[in-house]
Amino acid sequence: MTTLTSTDPRTGTVTETGIGLTDEAEVSRIAERAASAVRQIADRGRGWRSELLRAMARETEAGRELLVATAAAETGLTEARLNTELTRCVLQFELFADAVDEGSFLEAMIDHSTVTPLGPAPDIRRILRSIGPVAIFGSSNFPFAFSVLGGDTAAAVAAGSPVILKAHGSHPLTSRNSFDALLRAARSVEAPEGVLSIVYGQRTGAQLVAEPAVKAVGFTGSLEVGRLLADIAARRPEPIPFYGELSSINPVVITADALAGRADTLPEDAAASVAGSGGQLCTKPGVVFVPAGIAGEEFVARFAAAVAGAAPHAALSARVLDLFDEARGRMRDRPGTTGIEEASAEERGGSWFSSSVLRVDAADLTPETIEEAFGPFAVVVTYDSEEQLLSALTMVPPSLTATLHLGAGEHARHDELIRTLTDRSGRVVFDGFPTGVRVSWAQHHGGPWPSTNSIHSSVGVTSMRRFLTPVAYQNAPTEVLPTELHDDHTGIPRRIDGILQLAAAEETS
């Protein structure tokens, strides 16, 4: 039997994992078991799903020491970063449990039968329910938060969907240990078979998307692989939604007034956002716009020096490093770009980044000048006027985030700039930096193509919406309705005859 290996990117050491590739027949059996679990999950109700999510939080926390040590050896990420990421997962499971208890995500609505100007109208009751089994692909750069223990898993479980996890090939041991924690949680609440499953191997991903029992896909990864999987999802006899987080440049714009007021901190703060975690974050700024002139030149010099001076960081894998070097090399060769700082990776074995910064004048910017380079690298663009800045921004692909640093009281003068950034991103950050995505009710982590192919968020409570589908019941007897649509149920917020009614405080689900 072919087994997977694990590589420590810090040293290049290869370890046998003993994890076998999942064969085609087993993938199909897993998908069928997941399909059989959908009704069992629904029958157990929201209270049971909340209990499962809280058990996931407990088991994740209980496994912290082993999980962090394993992930550090497979990703090269620091233990401090990984501990923070694991805490995020614990809090995320708890947040989704709270959301399931609260119940507004169901969007429950009741329109009682009545007589309208068009004549008699029937009783209509609408609710969201699980879309069915969900395939979730783990990402390389977040071995916890966007992988087996991640937000997609939490959102799908909260929605009532069985989850089939595709382990990422660069951290198989982390995936297995994470899944073991989830299995312990599932067993502690006597979950039915098929609620949680995992598959291993590159080829299993394509088969998983094509499996008839799978009804939606959550993916975080490269634009190239995302396109391939999205095409499979679209070509099925029954096409299914593919929710991909794919590619993002995340522009940062600094105005002259902002630079004048915060010149002592902005260059180093921007560099920390670019180089943190080796620049291997989906929200890492890939391009920074600064005003031309003396202050701008000082910013460029200090920013470049800070990026180049950041602590050396291992790439997540040799493949990530190769792609980074290729993208950076293409941008270096384009007309108008100039390299201004570079720190060479020390010879230490494994896969280590060389950090660097390029610069270009806004007048020379083209759509080809800037592309995503997944690592400690950014392009600085100097601009002479807001008109030139607005034109240059159209050369940057739409992104997950856009950041704007303004001086005091400047907002009213930059209405067009704010509108442009809003139109071209999913989250607009003011006077801060985009790295770090809060897990909350209001968060939106998505954006226009090519950052994602969806209008939905992959972070926060509303990310559940990807794995829910509506159903309306017309003149249905009470006995066949979900509990949340019974007239006497007051445990969740509902819209009744057009009027929003809050849940009764004393009732629980």
Protein backbone atom coordinates (compact mmCIF):
# COMPACT_ATOMS: atom_id res chain seq x y z
CA MET A 1 0.00 0.00 0.00
CA THR A 2 1.28 3.46 -0.91
CA THR A 3 1.68 5.69 2.15
CA LEU A 4 2.14 9.42 2.49
CA THR A 5 5.30 11.12 3.69
CA SER A 6 5.68 14.32 5.71
CA THR A 7 8.45 16.87 5.09
CA ASP A 8 9.77 19.37 7.62
CA PRO A 9 10.29 22.51 5.47
CA ARG A 10 12.82 23.85 7.96
CA THR A 11 15.25 20.99 7.39
CA GLY A 12 13.98 19.01 4.44
CA THR A 13 13.68 15.89 6.62
CA VAL A 14 11.17 13.39 5.20
CA THR A 15 9.19 11.14 7.54
CA GLU A 16 6.98 8.17 6.76
CA THR A 17 3.49 8.76 8.17
CA GLY A 18 1.93 5.32 7.80
CA ILE A 19 -1.14 7.06 6.33
CA GLY A 20 -2.43 5.29 3.25
CA LEU A 21 -4.01 6.90 0.21
CA THR A 22 -7.80 6.65 0.18
CA ASP A 23 -8.87 4.51 -2.77
CA GLU A 24 -11.78 5.28 -5.08
CA ALA A 25 -14.11 2.69 -3.59
CA GLU A 26 -13.58 4.03 -0.07
CA VAL A 27 -14.22 7.63 -1.18
CA SER A 28 -17.58 6.51 -2.58
CA ARG A 29 -18.44 4.59 0.59
CA ILE A 30 -17.55 7.64 2.70
CA ALA A 31 -19.79 9.86 0.57
CA GLU A 32 -22.69 7.42 0.85
CA ARG A 33 -22.32 7.20 4.64
CA ALA A 34 -22.35 10.99 4.80
CA ALA A 35 -25.57 11.10 2.78
CA SER A 36 -27.22 8.64 5.16
CA ALA A 37 -26.32 10.85 8.13
CA VAL A 38 -28.16 13.97 6.91
CA ARG A 39 -31.59 12.99 8.25
CA GLN A 40 -30.16 11.64 11.48
CA ILE A 41 -28.49 14.99 12.14
CA ALA A 42 -31.72 16.84 11.38
CA ASP A 43 -33.71 14.59 13.69
CA ARG A 44 -31.39 15.35 16.60
CA GLY A 45 -32.07 19.09 16.38
CA ARG A 46 -30.08 22.22 16.99
CA GLY A 47 -29.35 21.43 20.63
CA TRP A 48 -27.40 18.33 19.66
CA ARG A 49 -25.39 20.20 16.99
CA SER A 50 -24.49 22.83 19.54
CA GLU A 51 -23.33 20.09 21.92
CA LEU A 52 -21.18 18.55 19.16
CA LEU A 53 -19.54 21.89 18.37
CA ARG A 54 -18.73 22.50 22.03
CA ALA A 55 -17.26 19.01 22.27
CA MET A 56 -15.09 19.84 19.25
CA ALA A 57 -13.82 22.92 21.06
CA ARG A 58 -12.97 20.88 24.17
CA GLU A 59 -11.16 18.12 22.28
CA THR A 60 -9.22 20.63 20.18
CA GLU A 61 -8.01 22.33 23.33
CA ALA A 62 -7.20 19.00 24.98
CA GLY A 63 -5.00 18.02 22.01
CA ARG A 64 -3.14 21.33 21.84
CA GLU A 65 0.37 20.11 22.71
CA LEU A 66 0.48 17.32 20.12
CA LEU A 67 -1.32 19.36 17.46
CA VAL A 68 1.01 22.36 17.69
CA ALA A 69 4.17 20.27 17.77
CA THR A 70 3.07 18.25 14.73
CA ALA A 71 2.02 21.31 12.74
CA ALA A 72 5.29 23.11 13.49
CA ALA A 73 7.24 20.16 12.07
CA GLU A 74 5.09 20.00 8.92
CA THR A 75 4.66 23.71 8.12
CA GLY A 76 7.64 25.57 9.58
CA LEU A 77 5.25 28.00 11.27
CA THR A 78 6.21 29.11 14.76
CA GLU A 79 4.63 27.58 17.84
CA ALA A 80 3.42 31.04 18.90
CA ARG A 81 1.58 31.49 15.61
CA LEU A 82 0.17 27.95 15.73
CA ASN A 83 -1.02 28.30 19.33
CA THR A 84 -2.86 31.47 18.37
CA GLU A 85 -4.40 29.72 15.38
CA LEU A 86 -5.51 26.78 17.49
CA THR A 87 -7.11 29.12 20.03
CA ARG A 88 -8.97 30.68 17.12
CA CYS A 89 -10.36 27.25 16.23
CA VAL A 90 -11.55 26.63 19.79
CA LEU A 91 -13.29 30.01 19.92
CA GLN A 92 -14.73 29.44 16.45
CA PHE A 93 -16.40 26.17 17.45
CA GLU A 94 -17.86 27.90 20.50
CA LEU A 95 -19.11 30.87 18.45
CA PHE A 96 -20.91 28.58 16.01
CA ALA A 97 -22.43 26.65 18.91
CA ASP A 98 -23.79 29.95 20.23
CA ALA A 99 -25.14 30.78 16.78
CA VAL A 100 -26.87 27.42 16.49
CA ASP A 101 -28.51 27.96 19.89
CA GLU A 102 -29.59 31.49 18.92
CA GLY A 103 -31.20 30.27 15.71
CA SER A 104 -31.51 33.38 13.56
CA PHE A 105 -29.34 31.72 10.87
CA LEU A 106 -32.41 29.63 9.95
CA GLU A 107 -34.18 32.75 8.62
CA ALA A 108 -37.49 31.27 9.79
CA MET A 109 -40.53 33.04 8.31
CA ILE A 110 -44.26 32.46 8.59
CA ASP A 111 -46.93 34.08 6.43
CA HIS A 112 -50.32 32.92 7.71
CA SER A 113 -53.14 32.34 5.25
CA THR A 114 -55.15 35.46 4.61
CA VAL A 115 -57.23 37.29 2.04
CA THR A 116 -55.27 39.71 -0.15
CA PRO A 117 -56.30 42.11 -2.95
CA LEU A 118 -55.41 39.20 -5.27
CA GLY A 119 -57.71 36.82 -3.42
CA PRO A 120 -57.10 34.09 -0.81
CA ALA A 121 -53.41 33.46 -0.05
CA PRO A 122 -52.09 30.19 1.35
CA ASP A 123 -50.12 29.63 4.55
CA ILE A 124 -46.39 29.71 3.67
CA ARG A 125 -43.58 28.82 6.07
CA ARG A 126 -39.92 29.09 5.06
CA ILE A 127 -36.71 27.92 6.71
CA LEU A 128 -33.11 27.12 5.84
CA ARG A 129 -31.89 23.55 6.16
CA SER A 130 -28.69 21.62 5.46
CA ILE A 131 -27.68 21.44 1.82
CA GLY A 132 -26.34 17.91 2.43
CA PRO A 133 -22.83 16.44 2.68
CA VAL A 134 -20.05 19.00 2.23
CA ALA A 135 -16.51 18.36 0.96
CA ILE A 136 -13.94 20.61 2.61
CA PHE A 137 -10.38 21.04 1.33
CA GLY A 138 -7.71 21.93 3.88
CA SER A 139 -5.32 24.76 3.01
CA SER A 140 -1.53 24.73 3.32
CA ASN A 141 -1.05 28.06 5.09
CA PHE A 142 -3.55 27.54 7.90
CA PRO A 143 -3.06 23.95 9.13
CA PHE A 144 -5.76 24.52 11.75
CA ALA A 145 -8.00 27.51 10.99
CA PHE A 146 -8.64 26.67 7.30
CA SER A 147 -8.10 22.94 7.47
CA VAL A 148 -9.58 20.01 9.40
CA LEU A 149 -10.33 22.07 12.52
CA GLY A 150 -11.23 25.18 10.56
CA GLY A 151 -14.10 27.51 9.93
CA ASP A 152 -15.52 25.55 7.01
CA THR A 153 -15.86 22.48 9.23
CA ALA A 154 -17.48 24.51 12.01
CA ALA A 155 -19.88 26.21 9.58
CA ALA A 156 -20.92 22.98 7.90
CA VAL A 157 -21.52 21.15 11.20
CA ALA A 158 -23.50 24.14 12.49
CA ALA A 159 -25.62 24.04 9.33
CA GLY A 160 -26.36 20.36 9.95
CA SER A 161 -24.19 19.05 7.11
CA PRO A 162 -22.00 15.96 7.30
CA VAL A 163 -18.39 16.86 6.54
CA ILE A 164 -15.91 15.00 4.33
CA LEU A 165 -12.45 16.49 4.80
CA LYS A 166 -9.74 16.39 2.13
CA ALA A 167 -6.45 16.42 4.05
CA HIS A 168 -3.79 18.74 2.65
CA GLY A 169 -0.79 16.86 1.29
CA SER A 170 1.76 19.11 3.00
CA HIS A 171 0.55 18.35 6.54
CA PRO A 172 -0.95 14.84 6.64
CA LEU A 173 0.00 14.12 10.25
CA THR A 174 -1.51 17.39 11.43
CA SER A 175 -4.66 16.53 9.49
CA ARG A 176 -4.85 13.06 11.02
CA ASN A 177 -4.28 14.30 14.58
CA SER A 178 -6.84 17.07 14.06
CA PHE A 179 -9.38 14.59 12.73
CA ASP A 180 -8.76 12.31 15.71
CA ALA A 181 -9.75 15.21 17.98
CA LEU A 182 -12.97 15.70 16.01
CA LEU A 183 -13.72 11.98 16.17
CA ARG A 184 -13.32 12.00 19.95
CA ALA A 185 -15.78 14.87 20.08
CA ALA A 186 -18.26 13.06 17.82
CA ARG A 187 -18.09 9.88 19.88
CA SER A 188 -18.60 11.81 23.11
CA VAL A 189 -22.03 12.95 21.88
CA GLU A 190 -22.85 9.65 20.14
CA ALA A 191 -22.79 11.11 16.65
CA PRO A 192 -24.14 8.89 13.88
CA GLU A 193 -21.68 7.28 11.48
CA GLY A 194 -20.88 9.51 8.53
CA VAL A 195 -21.06 12.87 10.30
CA LEU A 196 -17.28 13.32 9.95
CA SER A 197 -14.89 11.63 7.51
CA ILE A 198 -11.46 12.29 6.02
CA VAL A 199 -9.72 11.27 2.80
CA TYR A 200 -6.06 11.40 1.78
CA GLY A 201 -4.35 11.76 -1.57
CA GLN A 202 -4.26 14.30 -4.40
CA ARG A 203 -6.50 12.34 -6.76
CA THR A 204 -9.21 11.88 -4.14
CA GLY A 205 -10.01 15.59 -4.32
CA ALA A 206 -11.32 15.47 -7.88
CA GLN A 207 -13.31 12.31 -7.16
CA LEU A 208 -14.77 13.84 -4.01
CA VAL A 209 -16.12 16.86 -5.89
CA ALA A 210 -17.67 14.52 -8.48
CA GLU A 211 -19.33 12.17 -5.95
CA PRO A 212 -23.14 12.36 -6.39
CA ALA A 213 -23.71 12.40 -2.61
CA VAL A 214 -21.61 15.56 -2.13
CA LYS A 215 -23.76 18.68 -2.37
CA ALA A 216 -21.29 21.55 -1.84
CA VAL A 217 -17.54 22.20 -1.68
CA GLY A 218 -15.47 24.55 0.48
CA PHE A 219 -11.97 25.22 -0.86
CA THR A 220 -9.07 27.47 0.11
CA GLY A 221 -6.08 27.28 -2.19
CA SER A 222 -4.59 28.31 -5.50
CA LEU A 223 -6.52 29.83 -8.37
CA GLU A 224 -5.27 27.10 -10.70
CA VAL A 225 -6.49 24.17 -8.58
CA GLY A 226 -9.67 26.04 -7.65
CA ARG A 227 -10.58 26.46 -11.32
CA LEU A 228 -10.09 22.74 -11.97
CA LEU A 229 -12.29 21.70 -9.07
CA ALA A 230 -14.93 24.34 -9.86
CA ASP A 231 -15.13 22.98 -13.40
CA ILE A 232 -15.71 19.47 -12.05
CA ALA A 233 -18.48 20.78 -9.78
CA ALA A 234 -20.12 22.59 -12.70
CA ARG A 235 -19.89 19.64 -15.13
CA ARG A 236 -21.59 17.12 -12.87
CA PRO A 237 -25.01 15.79 -13.96
CA GLU A 238 -26.23 17.69 -10.88
CA PRO A 239 -23.99 20.79 -10.61
CA ILE A 240 -23.19 21.86 -7.07
CA PRO A 241 -21.91 25.10 -5.52
CA PHE A 242 -18.13 25.41 -5.24
CA TYR A 243 -17.02 28.03 -2.72
CA GLY A 244 -13.41 28.92 -3.43
CA GLU A 245 -11.03 31.35 -1.78
CA LEU A 246 -8.42 31.65 -4.48
CA SER A 247 -6.10 34.63 -5.00
CA SER A 248 -5.71 38.08 -3.49
CA ILE A 249 -3.34 41.06 -3.78
CA ASN A 250 -4.88 43.17 -0.95
CA PRO A 251 -3.78 46.71 -1.86
CA VAL A 252 -2.79 49.21 0.82
CA VAL A 253 -3.19 52.94 0.04
CA ILE A 254 -1.44 55.60 2.11
CA THR A 255 -2.29 59.27 1.58
CA ALA A 256 0.13 62.16 2.02
CA ASP A 257 -1.68 63.35 5.16
CA ALA A 258 -1.57 59.89 6.70
CA LEU A 259 2.13 59.63 5.96
CA ALA A 260 2.80 63.05 7.45
CA GLY A 261 0.96 62.16 10.62
CA ARG A 262 2.29 58.62 11.16
CA ALA A 263 5.63 58.52 9.37
CA ASP A 264 7.31 57.20 12.51
CA THR A 265 5.32 53.93 12.51
CA LEU A 266 3.75 53.25 9.10
CA PRO A 267 6.77 51.77 7.26
CA GLU A 268 7.53 49.19 9.93
CA ASP A 269 3.87 48.37 10.58
CA ALA A 270 3.29 47.79 6.86
CA ALA A 271 6.39 45.59 6.68
CA ALA A 272 5.18 43.47 9.60
CA SER A 273 1.91 42.85 7.76
CA VAL A 274 3.78 41.83 4.60
CA ALA A 275 6.40 39.60 6.24
CA GLY A 276 4.40 38.09 9.13
CA SER A 277 4.21 34.26 8.96
CA GLY A 278 6.58 34.48 6.03
CA GLY A 279 4.02 36.44 4.03
CA GLN A 280 1.96 33.26 3.69
CA LEU A 281 -1.41 34.77 4.56
CA CYS A 282 -4.37 35.23 2.23
CA THR A 283 -4.72 38.83 3.43
CA LYS A 284 -1.04 39.76 3.10
CA PRO A 285 -0.63 43.12 1.32
CA GLY A 286 0.95 42.52 -2.07
CA VAL A 287 1.04 46.14 -3.20
CA VAL A 288 1.44 49.38 -1.25
CA PHE A 289 0.60 52.77 -2.78
CA VAL A 290 2.45 55.80 -1.36
CA PRO A 291 2.63 59.43 -2.52
CA ALA A 292 5.66 60.49 -4.52
CA GLY A 293 8.03 62.97 -2.92
CA ILE A 294 10.52 63.15 -0.07
CA ALA A 295 8.21 61.59 2.54
CA GLY A 296 7.26 58.84 0.15
CA GLU A 297 10.89 58.05 -0.63
CA GLU A 298 11.70 57.80 3.05
CA PHE A 299 8.74 55.43 3.51
CA VAL A 300 9.91 53.25 0.62
CA ALA A 301 13.44 52.96 2.01
CA ARG A 302 12.35 52.12 5.55
CA PHE A 303 9.60 49.75 4.45
CA ALA A 304 11.93 47.83 2.15
CA ALA A 305 14.60 47.60 4.83
CA ALA A 306 12.08 46.30 7.36
CA VAL A 307 10.76 43.63 4.98
CA ALA A 308 14.30 42.52 4.13
CA GLY A 309 15.26 42.60 7.80
CA ALA A 310 12.42 40.44 9.02
CA ALA A 311 13.38 37.18 10.72
CA PRO A 312 14.05 34.41 8.19
CA HIS A 313 11.03 32.19 7.65
CA ALA A 314 10.58 28.75 6.15
CA ALA A 315 8.18 28.30 3.26
CA LEU A 316 5.30 25.92 3.89
CA SER A 317 6.75 23.56 1.31
CA ALA A 318 9.29 23.38 -1.50
CA ARG A 319 6.42 23.83 -3.95
CA VAL A 320 5.30 27.07 -2.25
CA LEU A 321 8.88 28.38 -2.43
CA ASP A 322 9.18 27.52 -6.13
CA LEU A 323 5.92 29.29 -6.97
CA PHE A 324 6.99 32.33 -4.94
CA ASP A 325 10.34 32.60 -6.71
CA GLU A 326 8.68 32.19 -10.13
CA ALA A 327 6.10 34.93 -9.49
CA ARG A 328 8.67 37.32 -8.05
CA GLY A 329 10.99 36.67 -10.98
CA ARG A 330 8.27 37.49 -13.50
CA MET A 331 7.52 40.78 -11.76
CA ARG A 332 11.20 41.73 -11.61
CA ASP A 333 11.43 41.32 -15.38
CA ARG A 334 8.52 43.60 -16.20
CA PRO A 335 9.14 47.12 -17.53
CA GLY A 336 9.39 49.87 -14.92
CA THR A 337 10.01 47.68 -11.87
CA THR A 338 13.09 48.13 -9.72
CA GLY A 339 14.37 45.92 -6.91
CA ILE A 340 15.28 47.96 -3.85
CA GLU A 341 15.98 45.51 -1.01
CA GLU A 342 16.53 41.80 -0.74
CA ALA A 343 17.60 39.48 2.04
CA SER A 344 19.00 36.18 0.82
CA ALA A 345 17.93 32.99 2.55
CA GLU A 346 20.69 31.46 4.60
CA GLU A 347 21.94 28.04 3.60
CA ARG A 348 20.38 25.88 6.28
CA GLY A 349 18.64 23.08 4.41
CA GLY A 350 14.92 22.90 3.82
CA SER A 351 12.91 25.62 2.06
CA TRP A 352 13.55 29.20 3.19
CA PHE A 353 12.33 32.48 1.73
CA SER A 354 14.42 35.37 0.47
CA SER A 355 12.39 38.49 1.28
CA SER A 356 12.36 41.49 -1.05
CA VAL A 357 10.53 44.59 -2.29
CA LEU A 358 10.07 45.97 -5.79
CA ARG A 359 8.98 49.48 -6.71
CA VAL A 360 7.31 51.03 -9.73
CA ASP A 361 5.84 54.41 -10.58
CA ALA A 362 2.07 54.49 -10.98
CA ALA A 363 2.50 55.80 -14.53
CA ASP A 364 4.32 52.57 -15.45
CA LEU A 365 1.89 50.19 -13.77
CA THR A 366 0.15 47.59 -15.93
CA PRO A 367 -2.11 44.65 -15.08
CA GLU A 368 0.90 42.37 -15.64
CA THR A 369 3.12 44.23 -13.19
CA ILE A 370 1.43 42.83 -10.10
CA GLU A 371 0.49 39.26 -9.30
CA GLU A 372 0.16 37.27 -6.11
CA ALA A 373 3.51 36.16 -4.69
CA PHE A 374 2.81 34.00 -1.66
CA GLY A 375 5.67 34.98 0.63
CA PRO A 376 7.55 37.98 2.16
CA PHE A 377 7.34 40.28 -0.85
CA ALA A 378 5.46 43.38 -1.97
CA VAL A 379 5.47 45.97 -4.73
CA VAL A 380 5.54 49.65 -3.74
CA VAL A 381 3.81 52.00 -6.18
CA THR A 382 4.45 55.75 -5.98
CA TYR A 383 1.72 58.06 -7.27
CA ASP A 384 1.60 61.79 -8.04
CA SER A 385 -2.13 62.52 -7.69
CA GLU A 386 -5.40 60.91 -6.65
CA GLU A 387 -6.42 60.70 -10.29
CA GLN A 388 -3.28 58.72 -11.05
CA LEU A 389 -3.88 56.58 -7.96
CA LEU A 390 -7.46 55.77 -9.01
CA SER A 391 -6.27 54.77 -12.46
CA ALA A 392 -3.52 52.58 -11.00
CA LEU A 393 -5.94 50.80 -8.69
CA THR A 394 -7.82 49.48 -11.70
CA MET A 395 -4.64 47.56 -12.59
CA VAL A 396 -4.84 45.59 -9.34
CA PRO A 397 -7.15 42.55 -9.40
CA PRO A 398 -10.11 42.77 -6.97
CA SER A 399 -9.16 41.34 -3.57
CA LEU A 400 -10.31 40.04 -0.24
CA THR A 401 -9.27 43.31 1.39
CA ALA A 402 -8.32 46.88 0.62
CA THR A 403 -6.68 49.15 3.18
CA LEU A 404 -6.75 52.93 3.36
CA HIS A 405 -4.61 55.10 5.62
CA LEU A 406 -5.96 58.65 5.90
CA GLY A 407 -5.04 61.73 7.82
CA ALA A 408 -7.32 63.26 10.45
CA GLY A 409 -10.55 64.55 8.87
CA GLU A 410 -9.59 63.40 5.36
CA HIS A 411 -12.48 61.02 4.78
CA ALA A 412 -14.80 63.55 3.14
CA ARG A 413 -12.14 64.49 0.58
CA HIS A 414 -11.60 60.93 -0.59
CA ASP A 415 -15.13 59.75 -1.29
CA GLU A 416 -14.25 58.45 -4.77
CA LEU A 417 -11.22 56.58 -3.45
CA ILE A 418 -13.27 54.93 -0.70
CA ARG A 419 -15.96 53.94 -3.21
CA THR A 420 -13.35 52.46 -5.55
CA LEU A 421 -11.81 50.34 -2.81
CA THR A 422 -15.24 49.24 -1.62
CA ASP A 423 -16.21 48.15 -5.13
CA ARG A 424 -13.00 46.13 -5.51
CA SER A 425 -12.77 44.29 -2.19
CA GLY A 426 -14.77 42.35 0.36
CA ARG A 427 -13.42 44.16 3.44
CA VAL A 428 -12.19 47.75 3.62
CA VAL A 429 -9.70 48.41 6.42
CA PHE A 430 -9.15 51.94 7.69
CA ASP A 431 -5.89 53.00 9.35
CA GLY A 432 -4.82 49.44 10.11
CA PHE A 433 -3.65 46.36 8.23
CA PRO A 434 -5.63 43.46 6.80
CA THR A 435 -3.68 40.54 8.23
CA GLY A 436 -5.72 39.07 11.06
CA VAL A 437 -9.34 38.16 10.38
CA ARG A 438 -11.67 38.45 13.35
CA VAL A 439 -14.09 35.54 13.81
CA SER A 440 -17.42 37.20 14.59
CA TRP A 441 -21.00 37.72 13.48
CA ALA A 442 -20.22 40.76 11.32
CA GLN A 443 -17.08 39.51 9.61
CA HIS A 444 -16.98 39.09 5.84
CA HIS A 445 -14.04 37.19 4.37
CA GLY A 446 -14.61 37.08 0.64
CA GLY A 447 -14.38 39.37 -2.33
CA PRO A 448 -14.86 39.83 -6.07
CA TRP A 449 -13.25 37.40 -8.53
CA PRO A 450 -10.46 36.27 -8.50
CA SER A 451 -10.24 36.49 -4.71
CA THR A 452 -13.28 34.23 -4.48
CA ASN A 453 -15.95 32.89 -6.81
CA SER A 454 -18.76 33.53 -4.32
CA ILE A 455 -20.66 36.34 -2.67
CA HIS A 456 -20.45 34.53 0.66
CA SER A 457 -18.01 34.77 3.56
CA SER A 458 -15.73 31.92 4.60
CA VAL A 459 -15.26 33.36 8.09
CA GLY A 460 -17.81 34.28 10.74
CA VAL A 461 -21.34 33.18 11.46
CA THR A 462 -22.72 34.08 8.02
CA SER A 463 -20.33 31.57 6.43
CA MET A 464 -22.96 28.97 7.37
CA ARG A 465 -25.11 30.34 4.55
CA ARG A 466 -22.96 28.50 2.00
CA PHE A 467 -24.14 25.15 3.35
CA LEU A 468 -27.82 25.94 3.81
CA THR A 469 -30.67 25.78 1.31
CA PRO A 470 -34.23 27.14 1.67
CA VAL A 471 -37.45 25.17 1.72
CA ALA A 472 -41.00 26.56 1.92
CA TYR A 473 -44.01 24.60 3.21
CA GLN A 474 -47.43 25.56 1.84
CA ASN A 475 -50.55 24.73 3.88
CA ALA A 476 -48.56 22.06 5.69
CA PRO A 477 -49.97 20.31 8.78
CA THR A 478 -48.09 21.17 11.95
CA GLU A 479 -46.92 17.57 12.36
CA VAL A 480 -44.68 17.70 9.28
CA LEU A 481 -43.14 21.10 9.99
CA PRO A 482 -39.74 21.67 11.60
CA THR A 483 -40.19 22.65 15.24
CA GLU A 484 -38.97 26.18 14.51
CA LEU A 485 -41.97 26.74 12.21
CA HIS A 486 -44.64 25.72 14.72
CA ASP A 487 -46.89 28.61 15.74
CA ASP A 488 -46.16 28.11 19.44
CA HIS A 489 -42.37 27.97 19.07
CA THR A 490 -40.75 31.15 20.38
CA GLY A 491 -37.17 29.98 20.91
CA ILE A 492 -35.61 31.75 17.91
CA PRO A 493 -36.11 35.06 16.09
CA ARG A 494 -38.72 34.72 13.33
CA ARG A 495 -40.50 36.98 10.86
CA ILE A 496 -44.24 36.39 11.22
CA ASP A 497 -46.62 38.03 8.77
CA GLY A 498 -43.84 40.43 7.87
CA ILE A 499 -43.03 41.48 11.44
CA LEU A 500 -39.74 40.46 13.08
CA GLN A 501 -40.31 38.80 16.43
CA LEU A 502 -37.46 38.14 18.82
CA ALA A 503 -37.02 34.91 20.74
CA ALA A 504 -38.57 34.53 24.15
CA ALA A 505 -35.77 34.83 26.68
CA GLU A 506 -36.98 31.94 28.84
CA GLU A 507 -37.20 29.35 26.04
CA THR A 508 -34.28 27.29 24.83
CA SER A 509 -34.01 25.21 21.68
